[in-house]
Amino acid sequence: MKYAYSSSLKIVIAASTFKASKFSSMDLYCPCCGERVSFFTESLGINNKRAHFRHYHGTYRKDCENYAIGVNSPYRPNKKINEIIQSAYAIYFEKRNNNYSFLYSVKFTEAEIQKYQAINSYLHLTVVNNNKSRDIKTEINHVNFVDGKRTFIRLGDAGQKIISVLEDYTSQIDFIRRITFFKMLGDGDWTDNDFIAKKVPNGDDERKYKLFLNEKYILVVPKYSVISNSLNVIRSEKYIFENVDVYFIEFNKIDISAKEFCAKGGYELCEGKAVLDILWPPCVEIEDSHFVKGNVLFMKTNFPIVYGESINTHQVEDYNKFSCVSIDKEIILDSENIHYEISPFIDVTKACREYDNLNIDYEEATEYKTQDDSACLISIYGVKKLNKNQKIKLNLSREVRLYKSNYVVKIVRYPMTVDSHKNIINDVILYNRKSIRFFPYEVVYNGDNPYIWEYLIQCRKTHAINKKILELLEGEKDD
């Protein structure tokens, strides 16, 4: 088979260009029949075979082997692939104003909204738990849905499955049948009044979905289930739902007991090492989606950005220490513990507009204690990420900046008193013109003269320092 559909990256991949890894080959499906497939590399020798995808045992169909996709024709998923696309990562766990609930996530395009609104269609969800069921009907119109944007439908308590009916299309999604994990999104913490977590799909005997160390998870199990003693349970909530028990946990180590417990739910416990930093432009994070202004994204990763393996676009340029990605549609990045969905900034998104006119607050202090992990220390030596509850001493060259989704919202600076200081810089430069290469780590200055700090900051930008000033600083010249 020449092609496969990747549900993680939401693209059809050719075997001839596919680069397999234990992460990118997790979610491959036959684009013809929708059954799972595996990737096999090119083999040399007597039985020489080209790289190809192959069905799992018992799901082979001859028409799938002969299935081909036109080079210039868009891929139209069949009914089973559509079900995979719609059901993957569709269930969420939310805490809002100290109230807990499960959510169902769905998207419609503008054309679909217009189509269903014209015939007064409803999305009909049925939550089934044993012999009981609850119906939730949502009218499809421009009041309830926005073009291409995720809409959350409140489910309340959990059940074993969800039956979704829309006109003549019916699909069934597993809800909470067994051990189920939800991954906390963004900077959410268990002590927050508001947070949201996304369901990690359950695997099976042939394929298990990944859980990672040092990530915040919410474990949901059927009522009165016994959990492993090896789990690092931060808090348990056994009274907020009638049908399930909830545990807030974090994996700090991998041991046999924890791995066996996760495996019962269809998960594999791993040590995630993938790191992604968005350098520019500023990025707004809303639930598990990210929005950027402009059509170019600069980012730094510790994993290769390869089409079909970790990203769903060919429009990537690699530089020495960063990558540049062109964005004209939704971009998906997927590797180990990283899964980012990034889209162009759309003004009609109400939540995005809240970031348009963010103001920066200024505070003066000689020392600052961080309240969360959204702060950075800015100095002539660069930028350093600060941890929660970390104390930092400030001076005229050190300031703390607090961020909200990559926007600066507060700057904490050292109090500036310039009256008692003299500007010795201009006089020294006037009579001593020779400059040498500036190395920040060689300059040690602990004084409070703002003129000197301003000059040192300028030296960092120009990579040069006046030789005489350097000698004065090395001689511990008074302010």
Protein backbone atom coordinates (compact mmCIF):
# COMPACT_ATOMS: atom_id res chain seq x y z
CA MET A 1 0.00 0.00 0.00
CA LYS A 2 1.47 3.34 -1.09
CA TYR A 3 -0.43 5.73 1.18
CA ALA A 4 -1.66 6.01 4.78
CA TYR A 5 -3.67 8.58 6.73
CA SER A 6 -2.06 10.06 9.87
CA SER A 7 -4.73 10.99 12.44
CA SER A 8 -2.16 12.92 14.52
CA LEU A 9 -1.09 15.21 11.65
CA LYS A 10 -4.39 14.92 9.71
CA ILE A 11 -2.69 14.30 6.35
CA VAL A 12 -2.24 11.49 3.83
CA ILE A 13 1.39 10.34 3.71
CA ALA A 14 3.25 8.56 0.91
CA ALA A 15 5.34 5.55 1.98
CA SER A 16 8.14 6.62 -0.36
CA THR A 17 8.72 9.83 1.63
CA PHE A 18 7.65 8.68 5.10
CA LYS A 19 10.30 8.68 7.84
CA ALA A 20 9.18 6.36 10.59
CA SER A 21 9.71 6.87 14.28
CA LYS A 22 8.07 5.18 17.23
CA PHE A 23 5.91 8.31 17.60
CA SER A 24 4.96 9.19 14.02
CA SER A 25 3.85 5.63 13.17
CA MET A 26 1.39 5.45 16.07
CA ASP A 27 -1.76 6.64 14.30
CA LEU A 28 -1.69 5.36 10.72
CA TYR A 29 -4.86 4.24 8.92
CA CYS A 30 -5.71 2.91 5.50
CA PRO A 31 -7.21 5.83 3.51
CA CYS A 32 -9.40 3.37 1.60
CA CYS A 33 -11.09 1.30 4.32
CA GLY A 34 -10.07 3.10 7.51
CA GLU A 35 -8.39 0.12 9.22
CA ARG A 36 -5.07 0.56 11.00
CA VAL A 37 -1.84 -0.04 9.11
CA SER A 38 1.89 -0.28 9.89
CA PHE A 39 4.88 1.12 8.00
CA PHE A 40 7.58 -1.15 6.55
CA THR A 41 10.88 0.23 5.27
CA GLU A 42 12.45 -0.67 1.96
CA SER A 43 14.07 -4.13 2.00
CA LEU A 44 16.97 -5.22 -0.19
CA GLY A 45 18.00 -8.66 -1.34
CA ILE A 46 16.14 -11.50 -3.02
CA ASN A 47 12.74 -10.34 -1.80
CA ASN A 48 13.37 -6.69 -2.61
CA LYS A 49 10.36 -4.54 -1.60
CA ARG A 50 9.79 -0.82 -1.67
CA ALA A 51 8.76 1.07 1.45
CA HIS A 52 5.04 0.48 2.04
CA PHE A 53 2.18 0.42 4.52
CA ARG A 54 0.56 -2.86 5.48
CA HIS A 55 -2.73 -3.82 7.12
CA TYR A 56 -2.83 -5.52 10.49
CA HIS A 57 -3.51 -9.23 10.37
CA GLY A 58 -7.11 -10.02 9.47
CA THR A 59 -7.98 -6.63 7.96
CA TYR A 60 -6.45 -7.15 4.49
CA ARG A 61 -8.57 -6.12 1.47
CA LYS A 62 -7.39 -6.37 -2.11
CA ASP A 63 -8.95 -3.07 -3.21
CA CYS A 64 -6.92 -1.27 -0.54
CA GLU A 65 -3.67 -2.49 -2.11
CA ASN A 66 -4.68 -1.00 -5.44
CA TYR A 67 -5.98 2.25 -3.95
CA ALA A 68 -4.24 5.38 -5.26
CA ILE A 69 -4.70 9.11 -4.67
CA GLY A 70 -4.45 11.61 -7.49
CA VAL A 71 -1.46 13.93 -7.19
CA ASN A 72 -3.55 17.07 -7.69
CA SER A 73 -6.85 15.87 -6.22
CA PRO A 74 -7.82 16.61 -2.59
CA TYR A 75 -8.25 13.63 -0.29
CA ARG A 76 -11.83 12.91 0.72
CA PRO A 77 -11.92 10.72 3.84
CA ASN A 78 -14.30 7.77 3.78
CA LYS A 79 -16.92 7.32 6.49
CA LYS A 80 -14.65 5.42 8.90
CA ILE A 81 -11.80 7.94 8.54
CA ASN A 82 -14.31 10.73 9.13
CA GLU A 83 -15.32 8.98 12.35
CA ILE A 84 -11.64 8.76 13.38
CA ILE A 85 -11.13 12.47 12.65
CA GLN A 86 -14.24 13.55 14.55
CA SER A 87 -13.83 11.25 17.55
CA ALA A 88 -10.09 11.72 18.22
CA TYR A 89 -9.46 13.94 21.26
CA ALA A 90 -13.12 14.97 21.36
CA ILE A 91 -13.69 14.62 25.12
CA TYR A 92 -12.50 17.19 27.69
CA PHE A 93 -12.55 17.58 31.46
CA GLU A 94 -13.17 21.10 32.76
CA LYS A 95 -13.12 22.98 36.03
CA ARG A 96 -14.77 26.40 35.81
CA ASN A 97 -15.62 28.53 38.84
CA ASN A 98 -14.95 25.46 41.00
CA ASN A 99 -17.53 23.40 39.09
CA TYR A 100 -16.47 20.23 37.26
CA SER A 101 -17.87 18.87 34.01
CA PHE A 102 -17.07 16.76 30.96
CA LEU A 103 -17.24 18.40 27.53
CA TYR A 104 -17.76 17.18 23.98
CA SER A 105 -15.78 19.07 21.31
CA VAL A 106 -16.96 19.53 17.71
CA LYS A 107 -16.11 21.77 14.72
CA PHE A 108 -18.13 22.79 11.68
CA THR A 109 -17.06 24.75 8.61
CA GLU A 110 -19.02 27.81 7.48
CA ALA A 111 -20.50 25.79 4.60
CA GLU A 112 -21.66 23.08 6.99
CA ILE A 113 -23.19 25.61 9.40
CA GLN A 114 -25.14 27.24 6.56
CA LYS A 115 -26.24 23.85 5.24
CA TYR A 116 -27.50 22.52 8.58
CA GLN A 117 -29.03 25.83 9.65
CA ALA A 118 -31.09 25.96 6.45
CA ILE A 119 -32.74 22.62 7.31
CA ASN A 120 -32.96 23.27 11.10
CA SER A 121 -30.58 20.45 12.00
CA TYR A 122 -29.53 19.48 15.52
CA LEU A 123 -26.45 17.66 16.79
CA HIS A 124 -27.98 14.96 18.97
CA LEU A 125 -25.71 13.43 21.66
CA THR A 126 -26.74 10.52 23.86
CA VAL A 127 -24.60 9.74 26.93
CA VAL A 128 -25.06 6.06 27.81
CA ASN A 129 -24.17 4.56 31.20
CA ASN A 130 -25.31 0.95 31.74
CA ASN A 131 -29.06 1.01 31.12
CA LYS A 132 -29.45 4.77 31.60
CA SER A 133 -29.08 7.46 28.94
CA ARG A 134 -29.18 11.26 28.71
CA ASP A 135 -29.96 13.23 25.55
CA ILE A 136 -28.34 16.56 24.66
CA LYS A 137 -29.53 18.42 21.56
CA THR A 138 -27.71 21.45 20.14
CA GLU A 139 -29.09 23.42 17.20
CA ILE A 140 -26.52 24.03 14.45
CA ASN A 141 -26.53 27.74 13.66
CA HIS A 142 -24.29 30.81 13.80
CA VAL A 143 -25.27 31.42 17.41
CA ASN A 144 -23.84 28.11 18.66
CA PHE A 145 -20.99 27.56 16.18
CA VAL A 146 -18.23 29.60 14.49
CA ASP A 147 -16.53 28.66 11.21
CA GLY A 148 -13.77 26.13 11.87
CA LYS A 149 -13.64 26.80 15.61
CA ARG A 150 -14.05 24.24 18.35
CA THR A 151 -17.36 24.38 20.21
CA PHE A 152 -17.74 22.73 23.61
CA ILE A 153 -20.97 21.00 24.56
CA ARG A 154 -21.39 20.36 28.29
CA LEU A 155 -21.98 16.69 29.12
CA GLY A 156 -22.18 16.83 32.91
CA ASP A 157 -21.50 13.40 34.42
CA ALA A 158 -19.60 10.65 32.61
CA GLY A 159 -20.90 7.56 30.87
CA GLN A 160 -19.53 4.51 29.11
CA LYS A 161 -20.12 5.83 25.58
CA ILE A 162 -21.50 8.73 23.55
CA ILE A 163 -23.72 8.23 20.51
CA SER A 164 -23.60 11.18 18.10
CA VAL A 165 -26.37 11.62 15.52
CA LEU A 166 -26.41 14.29 12.81
CA GLU A 167 -29.02 13.84 10.08
CA ASP A 168 -28.28 10.36 8.65
CA TYR A 169 -24.76 10.04 10.14
CA THR A 170 -24.32 8.16 13.44
CA SER A 171 -21.07 7.52 15.30
CA GLN A 172 -20.21 6.00 18.65
CA ILE A 173 -17.37 7.24 20.87
CA ASP A 174 -15.94 5.58 23.97
CA PHE A 175 -16.35 7.81 27.01
CA ILE A 176 -15.18 6.26 30.32
CA ARG A 177 -15.22 2.48 30.02
CA ARG A 178 -12.01 1.82 31.95
CA ILE A 179 -8.87 3.63 33.11
CA THR A 180 -8.86 6.97 31.24
CA PHE A 181 -6.34 9.83 31.40
CA PHE A 182 -6.87 13.51 30.61
CA LYS A 183 -3.84 15.76 30.04
CA MET A 184 -3.90 19.24 31.57
CA LEU A 185 -3.59 21.96 28.92
CA GLY A 186 -1.48 25.11 28.97
CA ASP A 187 -0.21 26.31 32.34
CA GLY A 188 -3.20 24.92 34.20
CA ASP A 189 -2.72 23.72 37.77
CA TRP A 190 -4.96 21.64 40.03
CA THR A 191 -5.30 24.53 42.49
CA ASP A 192 -6.66 26.91 39.81
CA ASN A 193 -10.33 27.90 39.78
CA ASP A 194 -10.41 27.28 36.02
CA PHE A 195 -8.56 24.72 33.90
CA ILE A 196 -9.23 22.31 31.08
CA ALA A 197 -7.78 18.88 30.24
CA LYS A 198 -8.02 16.80 27.05
CA LYS A 199 -8.67 13.07 26.94
CA VAL A 200 -5.73 10.92 25.89
CA PRO A 201 -7.30 8.25 23.62
CA ASN A 202 -7.25 4.67 24.91
CA GLY A 203 -5.17 2.22 22.88
CA ASP A 204 -5.46 -1.54 22.52
CA ASP A 205 -3.21 -4.60 22.66
CA GLU A 206 -1.48 -3.70 19.38
CA ARG A 207 -1.01 0.03 19.93
CA LYS A 208 -0.81 2.05 23.11
CA TYR A 209 -1.02 5.82 23.49
CA LYS A 210 1.72 7.64 25.35
CA LEU A 211 1.77 9.16 28.83
CA PHE A 212 4.85 11.13 29.92
CA LEU A 213 6.77 11.93 33.05
CA ASN A 214 6.37 15.34 34.72
CA GLU A 215 3.07 16.10 33.02
CA LYS A 216 -0.13 16.87 34.92
CA TYR A 217 -2.88 14.30 34.35
CA ILE A 218 -6.41 13.72 35.56
CA LEU A 219 -7.21 10.03 35.98
CA VAL A 220 -10.89 9.10 35.61
CA VAL A 221 -12.10 5.57 36.42
CA PRO A 222 -15.51 3.91 36.82
CA LYS A 223 -16.91 4.32 40.33
CA TYR A 224 -15.20 2.27 43.07
CA SER A 225 -12.33 1.13 40.81
CA VAL A 226 -9.07 0.21 42.56
CA ILE A 227 -6.00 2.15 41.41
CA SER A 228 -2.31 1.34 41.80
CA ASN A 229 -0.52 2.36 45.01
CA SER A 230 2.50 3.38 42.90
CA LEU A 231 0.69 6.40 41.43
CA ASN A 232 1.66 9.84 42.72
CA VAL A 233 -1.85 11.02 43.63
CA ILE A 234 -1.93 14.77 44.32
CA ARG A 235 -5.62 14.83 45.17
CA SER A 236 -8.66 12.60 44.82
CA GLU A 237 -12.24 13.65 44.11
CA LYS A 238 -14.72 10.83 44.66
CA TYR A 239 -17.90 12.82 45.27
CA ILE A 240 -18.17 15.28 42.37
CA PHE A 241 -19.60 12.70 39.92
CA GLU A 242 -22.09 9.88 40.40
CA ASN A 243 -20.57 7.46 37.88
CA VAL A 244 -16.79 7.97 38.12
CA ASP A 245 -13.96 8.73 40.54
CA VAL A 246 -11.38 11.42 39.72
CA TYR A 247 -7.69 11.59 40.71
CA PHE A 248 -5.17 14.36 40.05
CA ILE A 249 -1.80 12.71 39.44
CA GLU A 250 1.70 13.30 38.09
CA PHE A 251 4.23 10.65 37.07
CA ASN A 252 7.64 11.36 38.59
CA LYS A 253 9.29 8.03 37.80
CA ILE A 254 8.75 4.93 35.71
CA ASP A 255 8.38 1.68 37.63
CA ILE A 256 6.89 -1.71 36.78
CA SER A 257 3.71 -1.21 38.82
CA ALA A 258 2.90 2.16 37.21
CA LYS A 259 3.62 0.83 33.71
CA GLU A 260 1.35 -2.20 34.28
CA PHE A 261 -1.46 0.01 35.60
CA CYS A 262 -1.24 2.35 32.58
CA ALA A 263 -1.14 -0.63 30.20
CA LYS A 264 -4.51 -1.83 31.52
CA GLY A 265 -6.03 1.37 30.15
CA GLY A 266 -4.25 1.10 26.80
CA TYR A 267 -1.42 3.51 27.64
CA GLU A 268 2.38 3.36 27.66
CA LEU A 269 4.31 5.37 30.25
CA CYS A 270 7.34 7.11 28.68
CA GLU A 271 9.97 9.72 29.43
CA GLY A 272 9.06 12.62 27.14
CA LYS A 273 11.94 14.81 26.04
CA ALA A 274 10.50 16.84 23.17
CA VAL A 275 10.72 20.63 23.64
CA LEU A 276 9.16 23.33 21.45
CA ASP A 277 9.58 27.09 21.95
CA ILE A 278 7.71 29.58 19.77
CA LEU A 279 10.14 32.48 19.24
CA TRP A 280 7.99 34.81 17.14
CA PRO A 281 5.34 36.10 16.68
CA PRO A 282 3.46 36.19 20.00
CA CYS A 283 1.12 33.23 20.29
CA VAL A 284 -2.31 33.12 21.93
CA GLU A 285 -3.17 29.79 23.54
CA ILE A 286 -6.85 28.90 23.83
CA GLU A 287 -7.52 25.44 25.28
CA ASP A 288 -5.38 23.18 23.06
CA SER A 289 -5.22 25.50 20.03
CA HIS A 290 -2.70 28.26 19.32
CA PHE A 291 -3.18 31.39 17.19
CA VAL A 292 -0.51 33.65 15.70
CA LYS A 293 -0.66 36.99 13.90
CA GLY A 294 0.97 36.85 10.48
CA ASN A 295 1.78 33.96 8.18
CA VAL A 296 5.31 33.07 9.35
CA LEU A 297 6.23 31.27 12.57
CA PHE A 298 9.73 31.05 14.04
CA MET A 299 10.35 28.27 16.54
CA LYS A 300 13.07 26.26 18.23
CA THR A 301 12.81 22.51 18.83
CA ASN A 302 15.04 19.67 19.97
CA PHE A 303 13.49 17.31 17.41
CA PRO A 304 13.63 17.40 13.59
CA ILE A 305 10.80 19.19 11.79
CA VAL A 306 9.99 16.67 9.06
CA TYR A 307 6.85 16.53 6.93
CA GLY A 308 4.82 13.43 7.71
CA GLU A 309 6.85 12.68 10.83
CA SER A 310 6.42 15.70 13.10
CA ILE A 311 4.60 18.34 10.99
CA ASN A 312 1.84 18.43 8.37
CA THR A 313 3.34 20.99 5.95
CA HIS A 314 6.26 21.08 3.50
CA GLN A 315 6.69 24.83 4.05
CA VAL A 316 9.54 24.59 6.55
CA GLU A 317 12.98 26.21 6.39
CA ASP A 318 15.68 25.04 8.78
CA TYR A 319 18.33 27.45 10.02
CA ASN A 320 21.22 26.95 12.42
CA LYS A 321 19.31 27.29 15.70
CA PHE A 322 15.66 27.67 14.68
CA SER A 323 13.05 26.76 12.06
CA CYS A 324 10.72 28.97 10.03
CA VAL A 325 7.25 27.70 9.06
CA SER A 326 4.84 29.37 6.65
CA ILE A 327 1.26 29.35 7.93
CA ASP A 328 -1.61 29.56 5.47
CA LYS A 329 -3.77 26.93 7.21
CA GLU A 330 -3.78 24.96 10.45
CA ILE A 331 -0.29 23.67 11.26
CA ILE A 332 0.09 20.56 13.43
CA LEU A 333 3.31 19.69 15.26
CA ASP A 334 3.47 16.26 16.89
CA SER A 335 6.42 14.57 18.60
CA GLU A 336 6.58 12.60 21.85
CA ASN A 337 4.89 14.77 24.50
CA ILE A 338 4.36 17.71 22.09
CA HIS A 339 1.11 18.23 20.15
CA TYR A 340 0.50 21.79 18.89
CA GLU A 341 -2.31 22.93 16.58
CA ILE A 342 -1.42 26.41 15.29
CA SER A 343 -3.70 28.58 13.14
CA PRO A 344 -3.60 32.14 11.76
CA PHE A 345 -5.05 34.73 14.12
CA ILE A 346 -8.73 35.36 13.32
CA ASP A 347 -10.29 38.60 14.53
CA VAL A 348 -13.76 37.12 14.92
CA THR A 349 -12.50 34.87 17.69
CA LYS A 350 -13.68 36.69 20.81
CA ALA A 351 -11.05 35.14 23.05
CA CYS A 352 -8.29 36.32 20.72
CA ARG A 353 -9.52 39.92 20.75
CA GLU A 354 -8.91 40.06 24.48
CA TYR A 355 -5.18 40.13 23.70
CA ASP A 356 -5.28 43.00 21.19
CA ASN A 357 -5.06 45.81 23.73
CA LEU A 358 -3.13 44.28 26.61
CA ASN A 359 -1.53 46.93 28.81
CA ILE A 360 1.82 46.56 30.55
CA ASP A 361 1.88 47.23 34.29
CA TYR A 362 5.09 48.54 35.84
CA GLU A 363 6.31 47.93 39.40
CA GLU A 364 9.45 49.07 41.23
CA ALA A 365 11.15 46.70 43.70
CA THR A 366 14.58 45.67 44.92
CA GLU A 367 13.45 42.04 45.20
CA TYR A 368 10.66 40.04 43.57
CA LYS A 369 9.09 36.64 44.31
CA THR A 370 7.40 34.95 41.35
CA GLN A 371 3.80 33.79 41.74
CA ASP A 372 3.83 31.26 38.89
CA ASP A 373 6.10 30.08 36.06
CA SER A 374 5.17 32.85 33.59
CA ALA A 375 8.08 35.16 34.54
CA CYS A 376 11.52 35.70 33.01
CA LEU A 377 14.62 37.51 34.27
CA ILE A 378 16.05 39.98 31.73
CA SER A 379 19.66 41.12 32.16
CA ILE A 380 22.73 41.97 30.08
CA TYR A 381 23.55 38.27 30.14
CA GLY A 382 20.34 37.26 28.38
CA VAL A 383 16.95 35.83 29.33
CA LYS A 384 16.32 33.24 32.02
CA LYS A 385 13.04 31.45 32.71
CA LEU A 386 12.02 31.67 36.39
CA ASN A 387 10.29 29.00 38.44
CA LYS A 388 7.27 29.42 40.69
CA ASN A 389 8.01 31.00 44.12
CA GLN A 390 11.58 31.92 43.09
CA LYS A 391 13.11 35.01 44.74
CA ILE A 392 15.14 37.38 42.55
CA LYS A 393 17.24 40.36 43.61
CA LEU A 394 16.98 43.25 41.14
CA ASN A 395 19.36 46.02 40.14
CA LEU A 396 19.44 48.52 37.32
CA SER A 397 20.49 45.85 34.82
CA ARG A 398 18.07 43.16 36.01
CA GLU A 399 14.31 43.26 35.56
CA VAL A 400 11.52 40.68 35.72
CA ARG A 401 8.93 40.42 32.96
CA LEU A 402 5.65 38.51 33.36
CA TYR A 403 4.00 37.00 30.29
CA LYS A 404 0.53 35.92 29.26
CA SER A 405 0.66 33.66 26.19
CA ASN A 406 3.93 35.28 25.12
CA TYR A 407 2.65 38.86 25.67
CA VAL A 408 4.43 41.00 28.27
CA VAL A 409 1.81 42.08 30.83
CA LYS A 410 4.01 43.31 33.70
CA ILE A 411 7.58 44.58 34.18
CA VAL A 412 9.21 44.73 37.63
CA ARG A 413 12.19 47.15 37.73
CA TYR A 414 14.72 48.34 40.27
CA PRO A 415 13.91 51.85 41.64
CA MET A 416 15.89 54.40 39.65
CA THR A 417 17.50 57.25 41.63
CA VAL A 418 19.85 59.15 39.34
CA ASP A 419 20.44 62.32 41.36
CA SER A 420 23.37 60.92 43.37
CA HIS A 421 25.19 59.47 40.36
CA LYS A 422 27.49 61.06 37.79
CA ASN A 423 27.73 60.30 34.13
CA ILE A 424 31.41 59.34 33.91
CA ILE A 425 30.88 57.51 30.63
CA ASN A 426 30.88 60.54 28.32
CA ASP A 427 34.10 62.01 29.73
CA VAL A 428 35.97 58.71 29.49
CA ILE A 429 34.86 58.08 25.90
CA LEU A 430 35.71 61.68 24.92
CA TYR A 431 39.41 61.25 25.70
CA ASN A 432 39.77 57.48 25.20
CA ARG A 433 38.51 56.21 21.84
CA LYS A 434 39.87 52.65 21.76
CA SER A 435 37.27 49.86 22.01
CA ILE A 436 37.73 46.11 22.34
CA ARG A 437 35.51 43.01 22.09
CA PHE A 438 32.81 42.88 24.81
CA PHE A 439 32.39 39.62 26.73
CA PRO A 440 29.57 39.94 29.33
CA TYR A 441 30.97 37.24 31.60
CA GLU A 442 34.24 39.20 31.99
CA VAL A 443 32.48 42.34 33.28
CA VAL A 444 31.62 42.37 36.99
CA TYR A 445 29.78 45.50 38.11
CA ASN A 446 27.58 45.56 41.21
CA GLY A 447 27.06 49.32 41.52
CA ASP A 448 23.86 51.32 41.07
CA ASN A 449 24.95 53.95 38.57
CA PRO A 450 22.25 53.95 35.87
CA TYR A 451 24.59 55.55 33.34
CA ILE A 452 27.00 52.61 33.60
CA TRP A 453 24.21 50.04 33.34
CA GLU A 454 22.77 51.79 30.31
CA TYR A 455 26.22 51.76 28.70
CA LEU A 456 26.73 48.03 29.46
CA ILE A 457 23.38 47.19 27.89
CA GLN A 458 24.47 49.11 24.78
CA CYS A 459 27.77 47.16 24.81
CA ARG A 460 25.84 43.92 24.70
CA LYS A 461 24.10 45.07 21.53
CA THR A 462 27.27 46.35 19.80
CA HIS A 463 29.59 43.60 21.15
CA ALA A 464 32.21 46.29 21.96
CA ILE A 465 33.32 48.16 25.11
CA ASN A 466 35.63 51.13 25.66
CA LYS A 467 38.97 49.81 26.89
CA LYS A 468 39.38 52.53 29.55
CA ILE A 469 35.88 51.96 30.96
CA LEU A 470 36.62 48.25 31.23
CA GLU A 471 39.78 49.05 33.20
CA LEU A 472 37.80 51.33 35.54
CA LEU A 473 35.21 48.62 36.16
CA GLU A 474 37.89 46.00 36.79
CA GLY A 475 39.45 48.40 39.31
CA GLU A 476 36.14 48.58 41.18
CA LYS A 477 35.70 52.29 40.44
CA ASP A 478 33.12 53.87 42.78
CA ASP A 479 29.84 55.13 41.31
